[in-house]
Amino acid sequence: MPRWSSPSICPISDHKLRRSFGGSEINNYIQWLIEHGITAEHIGELIAGLCDRLTADGFPIWRGSISMPSIHPMYGGVSANFVRGGATTIENAEYGSAAVLNFEKTPIYFLLGRGETSGRWNIAKGEGVDDYPQLAEFAHGGGTDHLVSLLEFPKEAALRGVSLSLTSDRPGGFSDDQLAIVAKLFPALGLACYRIAASKTAADILAVYTGAKTSARILAGEIQRGKGGSINAAILLADLRNFTALTEVYQPGEIAGFLDEHFELIGRHVEDNSGEILKFMGDSVLAIFPTDAEDPQKACMAALASARNILEANKVLNGQRRDDGGPDIGVDVVLHLGEVFYGNIGARGRLDFTVIGSAVNEASRLEKLCGTLGHHLLMSESFAVTSAVASECLGSFELRGVSKPVNVFKLAGTD
C-alpha cells in the first residue's frame, strides 16, 4: 500500500514547474480544453486529443483515462481509455459488473478513502502492484509510472467528480515538470468533462423517460405547452391480461419485477421495428409507428411484426417463469391506424409529451374486447385494410365513447 511520505508518491500538485514550459503554451492547452469542452460530444474526444498533444510535446504517455460517474438506469460509471498507437475506447460500467464490484481495488478508491486529490505510483519499483490488479496489469505490460488526479464537483449529488489517470512506460516515468503541467491543466479538463457529462446526462435521462425521438424534439426546443402537431401513425397498445388480480397475491416488489420483465420484451420488439414507446400506463404500454404518407402500409407492417414478436416472446417468458413456480401473465395487443396529436400537454410547470385523439381512445376501447372475444391480437378496420394482411372480421361492436360501431379484425387462421 502506498505511503504518502514516500517521495515517489507525493501529491501531484506539490510538484513545481522548474523549467519553462511557457505560460503561453499552458494557456494554449487550456484554450484547447475549453474549446473542445464546448464542442466535444464525449469525454473520449478529450482524452484522445489531450494525450496526443501532450505526447507530441514529449510527455511519455502510454495510457490515459478519464472516468466519471453516470446517471443512467443501466450503468453507474463511464471511462474513456487512450492507448498510444491504438484506438480510444469507451467503457460503461454496468451495475453489478466486475468494474463496479472491483472498484475498491483501484487507486481511485484509495485516494477517495484518504480524502486525497492526487497520487503517483512508481510501478517500476512495484508500488501498488500487489494492491491493485490494474497496476499489476500495467507493470506486466511495461508500465513504469502511474498518476491519478481527482476533481470534485462539490454541489453535485450524482455527478460527483472526474478522475484523470496517466501511465508511462518510459524508464523514470514522468518528470516533475510534467506533473506540474498536468496539475495546471486538470481544472480546465475537469470543467470540460463536466459540461460534456451534464449535457449527455440530460439527453440520456430524457431519452429514458420519454423515448429517443421524443427527447430529441424536446431538446430541440419543442417544449411549450400545446406545441405539437397532428401525425398519422400506426398505434400499438399492449395490456397485461388480468394483471390487477396478481396484486392481491404478490408483493409490490414482485409485481414490479413482473412488469419490468414484460415491458422489457415489449419495448425491445417495438424498438426493433422502429417504433417508439410513448407511455407506460399501469400494466399497459402505448407505442406508435409514424406513417409515411406515400407508404402507410410500411408502418402497419412494422407494428404487426412487433405485435407478433411480442406475443411469441411472452409465451417464452411465461414458460420460464412457470418453471420457477411463477404465474402466467398473458398480453393483449391492439393495432390501430389513425391521426393523433403528438405534443406537449399538461400544467404550465408539469408537461407530458404524448399523443391524444380519437384514434388513441378507440385503441384503448378495442383492447377491452380482447378478453371478451378470446383473442390476444385484434386490429381495427383501418389497420387491417391498410396493412393488407390476411384477416377475418369478428363483427361490428359498439365502443364506449365512440359514436359509431366499429368492425374488429383478427389475423386469418388464428384462434
Protein backbone atom coordinates (compact mmCIF):
# COMPACT_ATOMS: atom_id res chain seq x y z
CA MET A 1 0.00 0.00 0.00
CA PRO A 2 1.49 3.40 -0.95
CA ARG A 3 2.66 5.78 1.76
CA TRP A 4 2.29 9.49 1.13
CA SER A 5 5.58 10.10 2.94
CA SER A 6 7.39 8.35 0.09
CA PRO A 7 8.86 10.96 -2.30
CA SER A 8 7.72 9.00 -5.35
CA ILE A 9 4.08 9.04 -4.26
CA CYS A 10 3.61 12.61 -3.12
CA PRO A 11 0.56 14.54 -4.34
CA ILE A 12 0.96 15.68 -7.92
CA SER A 13 0.02 19.26 -7.13
CA ASP A 14 3.06 19.57 -4.86
CA HIS A 15 5.39 19.50 -7.85
CA LYS A 16 6.61 22.88 -9.07
CA LEU A 17 7.34 23.77 -12.66
CA ARG A 18 11.13 24.04 -12.62
CA ARG A 19 11.71 24.65 -16.29
CA SER A 20 9.97 27.00 -18.63
CA PHE A 21 7.13 25.28 -20.41
CA GLY A 22 5.98 28.76 -21.25
CA GLY A 23 2.85 30.31 -19.84
CA SER A 24 1.59 30.76 -23.37
CA GLU A 25 1.97 27.02 -24.05
CA ILE A 26 -0.04 26.14 -20.96
CA ASN A 27 -2.63 28.74 -21.92
CA ASN A 28 -2.85 27.16 -25.37
CA TYR A 29 -3.63 23.82 -23.76
CA ILE A 30 -6.26 25.40 -21.53
CA GLN A 31 -7.77 27.20 -24.51
CA TRP A 32 -7.88 23.90 -26.41
CA LEU A 33 -9.62 22.18 -23.49
CA ILE A 34 -12.20 24.95 -23.22
CA GLU A 35 -12.94 24.93 -26.94
CA HIS A 36 -13.25 21.16 -27.11
CA GLY A 37 -15.23 21.10 -23.89
CA ILE A 38 -17.82 23.17 -25.72
CA THR A 39 -17.86 21.19 -28.96
CA ALA A 40 -16.99 17.61 -27.98
CA GLU A 41 -19.83 15.11 -27.64
CA HIS A 42 -17.98 12.63 -25.42
CA ILE A 43 -15.09 12.60 -22.95
CA GLY A 44 -13.32 10.17 -25.29
CA GLU A 45 -12.60 13.06 -27.63
CA LEU A 46 -10.93 14.95 -24.78
CA ILE A 47 -8.65 12.18 -23.53
CA ALA A 48 -7.58 11.23 -27.05
CA GLY A 49 -6.86 14.80 -28.12
CA LEU A 50 -5.13 15.77 -24.88
CA CYS A 51 -2.89 12.69 -24.80
CA ASP A 52 -1.96 13.14 -28.45
CA ARG A 53 -0.97 16.77 -27.83
CA LEU A 54 0.97 16.01 -24.66
CA THR A 55 2.77 13.11 -26.34
CA ALA A 56 3.77 15.41 -29.20
CA ASP A 57 5.26 17.76 -26.58
CA GLY A 58 7.39 14.99 -25.10
CA PHE A 59 5.15 13.54 -22.39
CA PRO A 60 5.85 9.79 -22.14
CA ILE A 61 2.18 8.79 -22.06
CA TRP A 62 1.47 5.13 -22.71
CA ARG A 63 -2.09 5.05 -21.38
CA GLY A 64 -4.58 7.69 -20.33
CA SER A 65 -8.07 7.50 -18.89
CA ILE A 66 -10.89 9.81 -17.85
CA SER A 67 -13.52 8.29 -15.55
CA MET A 68 -16.78 9.76 -14.28
CA PRO A 69 -19.98 8.63 -12.56
CA SER A 70 -23.06 8.27 -14.76
CA ILE A 71 -26.74 8.91 -14.11
CA HIS A 72 -28.25 6.08 -16.11
CA PRO A 73 -30.55 3.14 -15.31
CA MET A 74 -28.13 0.58 -16.79
CA TYR A 75 -24.67 1.73 -15.74
CA GLY A 76 -23.13 3.73 -12.92
CA GLY A 77 -19.94 5.00 -14.49
CA VAL A 78 -18.15 5.67 -17.75
CA SER A 79 -14.49 5.77 -18.70
CA ALA A 80 -12.68 6.82 -21.87
CA ASN A 81 -9.39 4.99 -22.34
CA PHE A 82 -6.47 6.08 -24.51
CA VAL A 83 -3.64 3.75 -25.54
CA ARG A 84 -0.73 5.15 -27.51
CA GLY A 85 -0.91 3.86 -31.07
CA GLY A 86 -4.36 2.36 -30.57
CA ALA A 87 -7.99 3.37 -30.66
CA THR A 88 -9.63 5.19 -27.76
CA THR A 89 -12.32 3.02 -26.18
CA ILE A 90 -15.40 3.86 -24.13
CA GLU A 91 -16.44 1.58 -21.28
CA ASN A 92 -19.76 1.84 -19.46
CA ALA A 93 -19.64 0.17 -16.04
CA GLU A 94 -22.95 -1.65 -15.75
CA TYR A 95 -24.45 -2.14 -12.31
CA GLY A 96 -23.22 -5.42 -10.89
CA SER A 97 -20.38 -5.69 -13.42
CA ALA A 98 -16.81 -6.60 -12.48
CA ALA A 99 -15.75 -2.97 -12.95
CA VAL A 100 -18.22 -1.84 -10.29
CA LEU A 101 -17.68 -4.75 -7.90
CA ASN A 102 -13.88 -4.35 -8.07
CA PHE A 103 -13.86 -0.56 -7.70
CA GLU A 104 -12.49 -0.90 -4.17
CA LYS A 105 -9.35 -2.42 -5.66
CA THR A 106 -8.38 0.70 -7.63
CA PRO A 107 -6.06 3.66 -6.96
CA ILE A 108 -9.06 5.98 -7.37
CA TYR A 109 -10.89 4.30 -4.49
CA PHE A 110 -7.73 4.52 -2.37
CA LEU A 111 -7.47 8.27 -2.94
CA LEU A 112 -11.16 8.83 -2.24
CA GLY A 113 -10.87 6.93 1.03
CA ARG A 114 -8.00 9.13 2.17
CA GLY A 115 -9.58 12.36 1.03
CA GLU A 116 -6.67 12.98 -1.33
CA THR A 117 -7.00 14.52 -4.78
CA SER A 118 -3.87 13.16 -6.49
CA GLY A 119 -1.27 10.45 -6.27
CA ARG A 120 1.61 8.76 -8.04
CA TRP A 121 2.69 5.13 -8.04
CA ASN A 122 6.18 4.10 -9.20
CA ILE A 123 5.16 0.89 -10.93
CA ALA A 124 8.75 0.11 -11.89
CA LYS A 125 9.56 -0.20 -8.18
CA GLY A 126 6.48 -2.32 -7.56
CA GLU A 127 4.40 0.34 -5.82
CA GLY A 128 0.73 -0.62 -5.83
CA VAL A 129 1.31 -3.70 -7.95
CA ASP A 130 0.31 -6.07 -5.15
CA ASP A 131 -2.65 -3.93 -4.12
CA TYR A 132 -4.31 -3.05 -7.41
CA PRO A 133 -4.90 -5.53 -10.27
CA GLN A 134 -4.89 -2.69 -12.79
CA LEU A 135 -1.37 -1.62 -11.80
CA ALA A 136 -0.21 -5.23 -11.88
CA GLU A 137 -1.52 -5.43 -15.44
CA PHE A 138 0.27 -2.22 -16.37
CA ALA A 139 3.52 -3.45 -14.81
CA HIS A 140 3.27 -6.68 -16.78
CA GLY A 141 2.86 -4.64 -19.97
CA GLY A 142 5.91 -2.48 -19.31
CA GLY A 143 4.40 0.39 -17.32
CA THR A 144 6.73 2.38 -15.08
CA ASP A 145 4.76 5.28 -13.61
CA HIS A 146 1.07 5.90 -12.82
CA LEU A 147 -0.57 9.23 -11.99
CA VAL A 148 -4.11 9.83 -10.75
CA SER A 149 -5.83 13.20 -10.26
CA LEU A 150 -9.32 13.70 -8.84
CA LEU A 151 -11.54 16.75 -9.13
CA GLU A 152 -14.73 17.01 -7.08
CA PHE A 153 -17.89 18.77 -8.21
CA PRO A 154 -18.98 19.89 -4.71
CA LYS A 155 -22.66 20.67 -5.35
CA GLU A 156 -23.42 17.58 -7.41
CA ALA A 157 -25.17 14.62 -5.77
CA ALA A 158 -24.58 12.14 -8.60
CA LEU A 159 -22.01 13.64 -10.99
CA ARG A 160 -19.62 13.86 -8.09
CA GLY A 161 -16.40 14.46 -9.98
CA VAL A 162 -13.89 13.28 -12.56
CA SER A 163 -10.62 11.37 -12.46
CA LEU A 164 -7.65 11.55 -14.81
CA SER A 165 -5.17 8.68 -14.92
CA LEU A 166 -1.92 8.75 -16.92
CA THR A 167 0.52 5.87 -17.22
CA SER A 168 4.05 5.96 -18.64
CA ASP A 169 6.22 3.15 -19.97
CA ARG A 170 9.42 5.22 -20.11
CA PRO A 171 12.19 4.43 -17.61
CA GLY A 172 11.87 7.02 -14.87
CA GLY A 173 8.31 7.84 -15.85
CA PHE A 174 7.08 11.42 -15.76
CA SER A 175 9.28 14.34 -14.80
CA ASP A 176 8.39 16.76 -12.01
CA ASP A 177 7.84 19.44 -14.64
CA GLN A 178 5.35 17.25 -16.45
CA LEU A 179 3.49 16.58 -13.22
CA ALA A 180 3.23 20.31 -12.60
CA ILE A 181 1.85 20.88 -16.09
CA VAL A 182 -0.79 18.17 -15.59
CA ALA A 183 -1.82 19.83 -12.31
CA LYS A 184 -2.26 23.17 -14.08
CA LEU A 185 -4.33 21.67 -16.89
CA PHE A 186 -6.55 19.43 -14.80
CA PRO A 187 -9.10 22.04 -13.60
CA ALA A 188 -9.80 23.06 -17.22
CA LEU A 189 -10.08 19.40 -18.20
CA GLY A 190 -12.50 18.83 -15.31
CA LEU A 191 -14.65 21.76 -16.40
CA ALA A 192 -14.76 20.44 -19.96
CA CYS A 193 -15.71 16.97 -18.72
CA TYR A 194 -18.44 18.42 -16.53
CA ARG A 195 -20.01 20.26 -19.47
CA ILE A 196 -20.00 17.13 -21.62
CA ALA A 197 -21.30 14.92 -18.82
CA ALA A 198 -24.07 17.34 -17.84
CA SER A 199 -25.25 17.61 -21.44
CA LYS A 200 -25.10 13.86 -22.02
CA THR A 201 -26.85 13.16 -18.73
CA ALA A 202 -29.73 15.46 -19.64
CA ALA A 203 -30.10 13.78 -23.03
CA ASP A 204 -29.81 10.26 -21.61
CA ILE A 205 -32.33 10.81 -18.82
CA LEU A 206 -34.80 12.50 -21.14
CA ALA A 207 -34.49 9.62 -23.63
CA VAL A 208 -35.02 7.07 -20.85
CA TYR A 209 -38.21 8.73 -19.66
CA THR A 210 -39.68 9.98 -22.95
CA GLY A 211 -38.03 7.91 -25.73
CA ALA A 212 -35.21 8.79 -28.12
CA LYS A 213 -37.31 10.51 -30.79
CA THR A 214 -39.41 12.50 -28.35
CA SER A 215 -36.39 13.58 -26.31
CA ALA A 216 -34.71 14.87 -29.46
CA ARG A 217 -37.74 17.06 -30.17
CA ILE A 218 -37.80 18.37 -26.62
CA LEU A 219 -34.07 19.16 -26.62
CA ALA A 220 -34.55 20.94 -29.95
CA GLY A 221 -36.83 23.39 -28.13
CA GLU A 222 -40.29 21.90 -28.63
CA ILE A 223 -41.24 22.40 -25.00
CA GLN A 224 -44.09 24.91 -24.81
CA ARG A 225 -47.46 23.67 -23.62
CA GLY A 226 -49.80 23.00 -26.53
CA LYS A 227 -46.97 22.81 -29.04
CA GLY A 228 -47.00 19.78 -31.27
CA GLY A 229 -48.75 18.57 -34.36
CA SER A 230 -51.05 16.01 -35.86
CA ILE A 231 -49.48 12.93 -37.40
CA ASN A 232 -50.74 9.71 -38.87
CA ALA A 233 -49.42 6.66 -37.10
CA ALA A 234 -49.95 3.00 -36.51
CA ILE A 235 -50.81 2.61 -32.84
CA LEU A 236 -49.84 -0.39 -30.74
CA LEU A 237 -51.47 -0.81 -27.34
CA ALA A 238 -50.30 -3.76 -25.24
CA ASP A 239 -52.00 -4.69 -21.98
CA LEU A 240 -51.18 -7.42 -19.47
CA ARG A 241 -54.31 -9.55 -19.09
CA ASN A 242 -55.85 -9.89 -15.60
CA PHE A 243 -52.77 -8.31 -14.09
CA THR A 244 -54.70 -6.46 -11.39
CA ALA A 245 -55.63 -9.76 -9.75
CA LEU A 246 -51.93 -10.54 -9.24
CA THR A 247 -51.55 -7.52 -6.97
CA GLU A 248 -53.67 -9.32 -4.38
CA VAL A 249 -51.38 -12.36 -4.40
CA TYR A 250 -47.85 -11.00 -4.83
CA GLN A 251 -45.83 -8.36 -3.00
CA PRO A 252 -45.25 -4.94 -4.66
CA GLY A 253 -41.61 -5.77 -5.34
CA GLU A 254 -42.60 -8.96 -7.15
CA ILE A 255 -45.28 -7.11 -9.12
CA ALA A 256 -42.72 -4.52 -10.22
CA GLY A 257 -40.42 -7.33 -11.32
CA PHE A 258 -43.16 -8.91 -13.44
CA LEU A 259 -43.93 -5.56 -15.06
CA ASP A 260 -40.26 -4.95 -15.84
CA GLU A 261 -39.91 -8.35 -17.49
CA HIS A 262 -42.91 -7.89 -19.76
CA PHE A 263 -42.25 -4.23 -20.52
CA GLU A 264 -38.66 -5.12 -21.43
CA LEU A 265 -39.73 -7.59 -24.10
CA ILE A 266 -42.46 -5.28 -25.40
CA GLY A 267 -40.05 -2.36 -25.60
CA ARG A 268 -37.38 -4.43 -27.32
CA HIS A 269 -39.68 -5.57 -30.12
CA VAL A 270 -41.22 -2.13 -30.58
CA GLU A 271 -37.79 -0.52 -30.94
CA ASP A 272 -36.51 -3.32 -33.19
CA ASN A 273 -39.22 -2.33 -35.67
CA SER A 274 -38.58 1.44 -35.49
CA GLY A 275 -41.48 2.17 -33.17
CA GLU A 276 -41.38 4.31 -30.06
CA ILE A 277 -42.93 3.72 -26.68
CA LEU A 278 -44.73 6.85 -25.58
CA LYS A 279 -46.09 5.81 -22.23
CA PHE A 280 -46.30 3.09 -19.62
CA MET A 281 -49.79 3.25 -18.13
CA GLY A 282 -50.12 0.91 -15.17
CA ASP A 283 -49.93 -2.52 -16.83
CA SER A 284 -50.28 -1.15 -20.39
CA VAL A 285 -47.85 0.16 -23.00
CA LEU A 286 -48.68 2.70 -25.70
CA ALA A 287 -46.41 2.86 -28.76
CA ILE A 288 -46.60 4.48 -32.17
CA PHE A 289 -45.13 3.85 -35.61
CA PRO A 290 -45.40 7.11 -37.63
CA THR A 291 -46.57 6.50 -41.18
CA ASP A 292 -45.08 7.65 -44.44
CA ALA A 293 -47.70 9.50 -46.48
CA GLU A 294 -46.65 7.58 -49.58
CA ASP A 295 -46.47 4.18 -47.89
CA PRO A 296 -48.60 3.88 -44.72
CA GLN A 297 -48.54 0.11 -45.11
CA LYS A 298 -44.87 0.07 -44.05
CA ALA A 299 -45.67 1.42 -40.57
CA CYS A 300 -48.56 -1.02 -40.22
CA MET A 301 -46.36 -3.98 -41.10
CA ALA A 302 -43.73 -2.81 -38.61
CA ALA A 303 -46.37 -2.58 -35.88
CA LEU A 304 -47.73 -6.01 -36.84
CA ALA A 305 -44.24 -7.55 -36.73
CA SER A 306 -43.78 -6.06 -33.27
CA ALA A 307 -47.11 -7.47 -32.10
CA ARG A 308 -46.34 -10.96 -33.35
CA ASN A 309 -42.88 -10.94 -31.79
CA ILE A 310 -44.28 -9.65 -28.50
CA LEU A 311 -46.80 -12.47 -28.30
CA GLU A 312 -44.19 -15.14 -29.10
CA ALA A 313 -41.66 -13.71 -26.65
CA ASN A 314 -44.35 -13.53 -23.99
CA LYS A 315 -45.00 -17.26 -24.36
CA VAL A 316 -41.30 -17.95 -23.81
CA LEU A 317 -41.18 -15.68 -20.78
CA ASN A 318 -44.22 -17.34 -19.23
CA GLY A 319 -42.68 -20.75 -19.79
CA GLN A 320 -39.51 -19.72 -17.99
CA ARG A 321 -41.45 -18.21 -15.11
CA ARG A 322 -43.71 -21.26 -14.90
CA ASP A 323 -40.64 -23.46 -14.41
CA ASP A 324 -39.80 -21.31 -11.37
CA GLY A 325 -43.30 -21.58 -9.94
CA GLY A 326 -44.38 -18.13 -11.07
CA PRO A 327 -47.62 -17.01 -12.75
CA ASP A 328 -48.58 -16.99 -16.41
CA ILE A 329 -49.26 -13.42 -17.50
CA GLY A 330 -50.98 -13.03 -20.83
CA VAL A 331 -50.60 -9.97 -23.02
CA ASP A 332 -53.26 -8.49 -25.30
CA VAL A 333 -52.24 -6.34 -28.25
CA VAL A 334 -54.42 -3.97 -30.28
CA LEU A 335 -53.32 -2.40 -33.56
CA HIS A 336 -54.99 0.71 -34.94
CA LEU A 337 -54.28 3.37 -37.54
CA GLY A 338 -55.29 6.99 -37.37
CA GLU A 339 -54.44 10.62 -36.81
CA VAL A 340 -53.14 11.65 -33.41
CA PHE A 341 -51.93 14.88 -31.82
CA TYR A 342 -48.33 14.42 -30.71
CA GLY A 343 -47.01 17.12 -28.42
CA ASN A 344 -46.87 18.86 -25.03
CA ILE A 345 -49.91 18.59 -22.80
CA GLY A 346 -50.32 19.35 -19.11
CA ALA A 347 -50.00 22.07 -16.48
CA ARG A 348 -47.73 25.07 -17.01
CA GLY A 349 -44.89 23.68 -14.95
CA ARG A 350 -45.52 19.96 -15.46
CA LEU A 351 -45.89 18.70 -19.02
CA ASP A 352 -46.19 15.35 -20.71
CA PHE A 353 -45.10 14.77 -24.30
CA THR A 354 -47.69 12.30 -25.50
CA VAL A 355 -50.43 11.53 -28.01
CA ILE A 356 -54.13 12.22 -27.76
CA GLY A 357 -57.03 11.93 -30.16
CA SER A 358 -59.94 9.74 -31.09
CA ALA A 359 -57.60 7.09 -32.52
CA VAL A 360 -55.90 6.64 -29.15
CA ASN A 361 -59.28 6.40 -27.42
CA GLU A 362 -60.51 3.84 -29.95
CA ALA A 363 -57.40 1.69 -29.46
CA SER A 364 -57.98 1.71 -25.71
CA ARG A 365 -61.61 0.65 -26.16
CA LEU A 366 -60.65 -2.09 -28.63
CA GLU A 367 -58.28 -3.60 -26.10
CA LYS A 368 -61.23 -4.30 -23.78
CA LEU A 369 -62.61 -6.66 -26.44
CA CYS A 370 -59.58 -8.97 -26.38
CA GLY A 371 -60.80 -10.85 -23.33
CA THR A 372 -64.42 -10.78 -24.45
CA LEU A 373 -63.63 -12.20 -27.88
CA GLY A 374 -60.91 -14.54 -26.66
CA HIS A 375 -58.09 -13.20 -28.82
CA HIS A 376 -54.70 -11.78 -27.85
CA LEU A 377 -54.34 -9.72 -31.04
CA LEU A 378 -57.06 -7.52 -32.52
CA MET A 379 -56.97 -4.97 -35.33
CA SER A 380 -59.16 -2.07 -36.32
CA GLU A 381 -60.61 -1.96 -39.82
CA SER A 382 -58.35 0.92 -40.86
CA PHE A 383 -55.30 -1.05 -39.77
CA ALA A 384 -56.39 -4.34 -41.35
CA VAL A 385 -57.21 -2.69 -44.69
CA THR A 386 -54.03 -0.60 -44.87
CA SER A 387 -51.73 -3.42 -43.82
CA ALA A 388 -53.39 -5.74 -46.37
CA VAL A 389 -52.61 -8.65 -44.08
CA ALA A 390 -54.85 -11.71 -44.33
CA SER A 391 -57.54 -11.09 -41.73
CA GLU A 392 -61.04 -12.06 -40.66
CA CYS A 393 -63.75 -9.73 -39.39
CA LEU A 394 -65.11 -10.73 -36.00
CA GLY A 395 -68.09 -8.43 -36.27
CA SER A 396 -69.18 -4.89 -35.56
CA PHE A 397 -69.04 -3.64 -31.98
CA GLU A 398 -70.06 -0.56 -30.07
CA LEU A 399 -67.23 1.04 -28.11
CA ARG A 400 -67.75 3.34 -25.15
CA GLY A 401 -67.15 6.93 -26.16
CA VAL A 402 -67.17 6.09 -29.89
CA SER A 403 -70.21 7.32 -31.82
CA LYS A 404 -70.46 4.52 -34.39
CA PRO A 405 -69.97 0.74 -34.18
CA VAL A 406 -66.57 -0.40 -35.43
CA ASN A 407 -65.52 -3.52 -37.27
CA VAL A 408 -62.93 -5.59 -35.42
CA PHE A 409 -60.49 -7.97 -37.10
CA LYS A 410 -58.18 -10.82 -36.18
CA LEU A 411 -55.36 -12.40 -38.18
CA ALA A 412 -56.68 -15.05 -40.53
CA GLY A 413 -56.17 -18.59 -39.32
CA THR A 414 -55.71 -17.70 -35.65
CA ASP A 415 -57.88 -18.96 -32.83
